[in-house]
Amino acid sequence: MGESKQIDAKTGAGVVGVSAVACAACCAGPILGFLAAVGVTAAVGAVLFGVLGVAAVVLAAVVWRRRRRARRCRPVAAEPVAVAAPRLRTPS
């Protein structure tokens, strides 16, 4: 039968594989932590954007209603109003 060959992982292409596994094991935590922080920041930003949008709409609605009521309460003259002519002073 054949002789069994044992491949040394520290030579040739095995070094690349071992390095990739070591890098994945070492860097997975910080990378996942960064991605989680980005996700949380995006979620907070979306919620904050929504809250500010609702606040802007409520403020606009309040201003609109106040202006509409103020326009409705203005007195309207039903008939012409007589105004006295102004008196001019003569220079002395």
C-alpha atoms as a PDB file:
ATOM      1  CA  MET A   1       0.000   0.000   0.000  1.00  0.00           C
ATOM      2  CA  GLY A   2       0.886   3.601  -0.167  1.00  0.00           C
ATOM      3  CA  GLU A   3       2.735   5.585   2.277  1.00  0.00           C
ATOM      4  CA  SER A   4       0.516   8.151   4.107  1.00  0.00           C
ATOM      5  CA  LYS A   5       1.685  11.668   3.658  1.00  0.00           C
ATOM      6  CA  GLN A   6       1.303  14.077   6.523  1.00  0.00           C
ATOM      7  CA  ILE A   7       0.786  17.695   5.438  1.00  0.00           C
ATOM      8  CA  ASP A   8       2.496  20.288   7.562  1.00  0.00           C
ATOM      9  CA  ALA A   9       0.111  23.229   8.119  1.00  0.00           C
ATOM     10  CA  LYS A  10       3.003  25.608   8.696  1.00  0.00           C
ATOM     11  CA  THR A  11       4.340  25.382   5.180  1.00  0.00           C
ATOM     12  CA  GLY A  12       2.991  26.533   1.834  1.00  0.00           C
ATOM     13  CA  ALA A  13      -0.725  27.284   1.460  1.00  0.00           C
ATOM     14  CA  GLY A  14      -1.420  26.000   4.954  1.00  0.00           C
ATOM     15  CA  VAL A  15       0.033  29.188   6.401  1.00  0.00           C
ATOM     16  CA  VAL A  16      -2.626  31.222   4.620  1.00  0.00           C
ATOM     17  CA  GLY A  17      -5.389  28.999   5.973  1.00  0.00           C
ATOM     18  CA  VAL A  18      -4.112  29.101   9.540  1.00  0.00           C
ATOM     19  CA  SER A  19      -3.691  32.863   9.286  1.00  0.00           C
ATOM     20  CA  ALA A  20      -7.253  33.295   8.018  1.00  0.00           C
ATOM     21  CA  VAL A  21      -8.664  31.204  10.865  1.00  0.00           C
ATOM     22  CA  ALA A  22      -6.607  33.116  13.438  1.00  0.00           C
ATOM     23  CA  CYS A  23      -7.701  36.450  11.988  1.00  0.00           C
ATOM     24  CA  ALA A  24     -11.372  35.417  12.007  1.00  0.00           C
ATOM     25  CA  ALA A  25     -11.138  34.196  15.592  1.00  0.00           C
ATOM     26  CA  CYS A  26      -9.345  37.326  16.788  1.00  0.00           C
ATOM     27  CA  CYS A  27     -11.226  40.008  14.849  1.00  0.00           C
ATOM     28  CA  ALA A  28     -14.764  38.613  14.851  1.00  0.00           C
ATOM     29  CA  GLY A  29     -15.680  40.201  18.185  1.00  0.00           C
ATOM     30  CA  PRO A  30     -14.631  43.769  17.344  1.00  0.00           C
ATOM     31  CA  ILE A  31     -16.156  43.566  13.860  1.00  0.00           C
ATOM     32  CA  LEU A  32     -19.479  42.328  15.219  1.00  0.00           C
ATOM     33  CA  GLY A  33     -19.333  44.980  17.931  1.00  0.00           C
ATOM     34  CA  PHE A  34     -18.796  47.699  15.315  1.00  0.00           C
ATOM     35  CA  LEU A  35     -21.676  46.391  13.197  1.00  0.00           C
ATOM     36  CA  ALA A  36     -23.922  46.283  16.272  1.00  0.00           C
ATOM     37  CA  ALA A  37     -23.014  49.868  17.157  1.00  0.00           C
ATOM     38  CA  VAL A  38     -23.786  50.980  13.612  1.00  0.00           C
ATOM     39  CA  GLY A  39     -27.122  49.164  13.771  1.00  0.00           C
ATOM     40  CA  VAL A  40     -28.032  50.718  17.124  1.00  0.00           C
ATOM     41  CA  THR A  41     -27.041  54.164  15.863  1.00  0.00           C
ATOM     42  CA  ALA A  42     -29.164  53.694  12.753  1.00  0.00           C
ATOM     43  CA  ALA A  43     -32.137  52.591  14.852  1.00  0.00           C
ATOM     44  CA  VAL A  44     -31.783  55.571  17.197  1.00  0.00           C
ATOM     45  CA  GLY A  45     -31.457  57.891  14.208  1.00  0.00           C
ATOM     46  CA  ALA A  46     -34.604  56.488  12.612  1.00  0.00           C
ATOM     47  CA  VAL A  47     -36.576  56.860  15.847  1.00  0.00           C
ATOM     48  CA  LEU A  48     -35.252  60.383  16.416  1.00  0.00           C
ATOM     49  CA  PHE A  49     -36.084  61.346  12.813  1.00  0.00           C
ATOM     50  CA  GLY A  50     -39.617  60.017  13.281  1.00  0.00           C
ATOM     51  CA  VAL A  51     -40.133  61.835  16.574  1.00  0.00           C
ATOM     52  CA  LEU A  52     -38.859  65.124  15.136  1.00  0.00           C
ATOM     53  CA  GLY A  53     -41.104  64.650  12.103  1.00  0.00           C
ATOM     54  CA  VAL A  54     -44.173  64.122  14.272  1.00  0.00           C
ATOM     55  CA  ALA A  55     -43.245  67.150  16.406  1.00  0.00           C
ATOM     56  CA  ALA A  56     -42.908  69.317  13.283  1.00  0.00           C
ATOM     57  CA  VAL A  57     -46.316  68.177  12.005  1.00  0.00           C
ATOM     58  CA  VAL A  58     -47.974  68.854  15.374  1.00  0.00           C
ATOM     59  CA  LEU A  59     -46.376  72.307  15.570  1.00  0.00           C
ATOM     60  CA  ALA A  60     -47.491  73.125  12.025  1.00  0.00           C
ATOM     61  CA  ALA A  61     -51.040  71.970  12.834  1.00  0.00           C
ATOM     62  CA  VAL A  62     -51.180  74.173  15.943  1.00  0.00           C
ATOM     63  CA  VAL A  63     -49.938  77.225  14.039  1.00  0.00           C
ATOM     64  CA  TRP A  64     -52.372  76.563  11.199  1.00  0.00           C
ATOM     65  CA  ARG A  65     -55.346  76.258  13.565  1.00  0.00           C
ATOM     66  CA  ARG A  66     -54.405  79.441  15.445  1.00  0.00           C
ATOM     67  CA  ARG A  67     -54.126  81.422  12.232  1.00  0.00           C
ATOM     68  CA  ARG A  68     -57.394  80.034  10.960  1.00  0.00           C
ATOM     69  CA  ARG A  69     -59.208  80.996  14.178  1.00  0.00           C
ATOM     70  CA  ALA A  70     -57.610  84.461  14.173  1.00  0.00           C
ATOM     71  CA  ARG A  71     -58.822  85.016  10.616  1.00  0.00           C
ATOM     72  CA  ARG A  72     -62.337  83.972  11.593  1.00  0.00           C
ATOM     73  CA  CYS A  73     -62.495  86.404  14.548  1.00  0.00           C
ATOM     74  CA  ARG A  74     -61.597  89.557  12.612  1.00  0.00           C
ATOM     75  CA  PRO A  75     -64.372  92.131  12.622  1.00  0.00           C
ATOM     76  CA  VAL A  76     -65.777  92.821   9.215  1.00  0.00           C
ATOM     77  CA  ALA A  77     -67.516  96.139   8.584  1.00  0.00           C
ATOM     78  CA  ALA A  78     -70.934  95.515   7.105  1.00  0.00           C
ATOM     79  CA  GLU A  79     -71.244  99.068   5.776  1.00  0.00           C
ATOM     80  CA  PRO A  80     -68.824 101.840   4.977  1.00  0.00           C
ATOM     81  CA  VAL A  81     -67.399 103.731   7.932  1.00  0.00           C
ATOM     82  CA  ALA A  82     -67.093 107.505   7.797  1.00  0.00           C
ATOM     83  CA  VAL A  83     -63.645 108.849   8.634  1.00  0.00           C
ATOM     84  CA  ALA A  84     -63.044 112.519   9.408  1.00  0.00           C
ATOM     85  CA  ALA A  85     -60.670 114.338   7.116  1.00  0.00           C
ATOM     86  CA  PRO A  86     -57.329 115.132   8.745  1.00  0.00           C
ATOM     87  CA  ARG A  87     -56.618 118.710   9.752  1.00  0.00           C
ATOM     88  CA  LEU A  88     -53.380 120.128   8.506  1.00  0.00           C
ATOM     89  CA  ARG A  89     -51.579 122.663  10.653  1.00  0.00           C
ATOM     90  CA  THR A  90     -50.311 125.715   8.954  1.00  0.00           C
ATOM     91  CA  PRO A  91     -46.690 126.583   9.625  1.00  0.00           C
ATOM     92  CA  SER A  92     -46.317 129.458  12.049  1.00  0.00           C
END
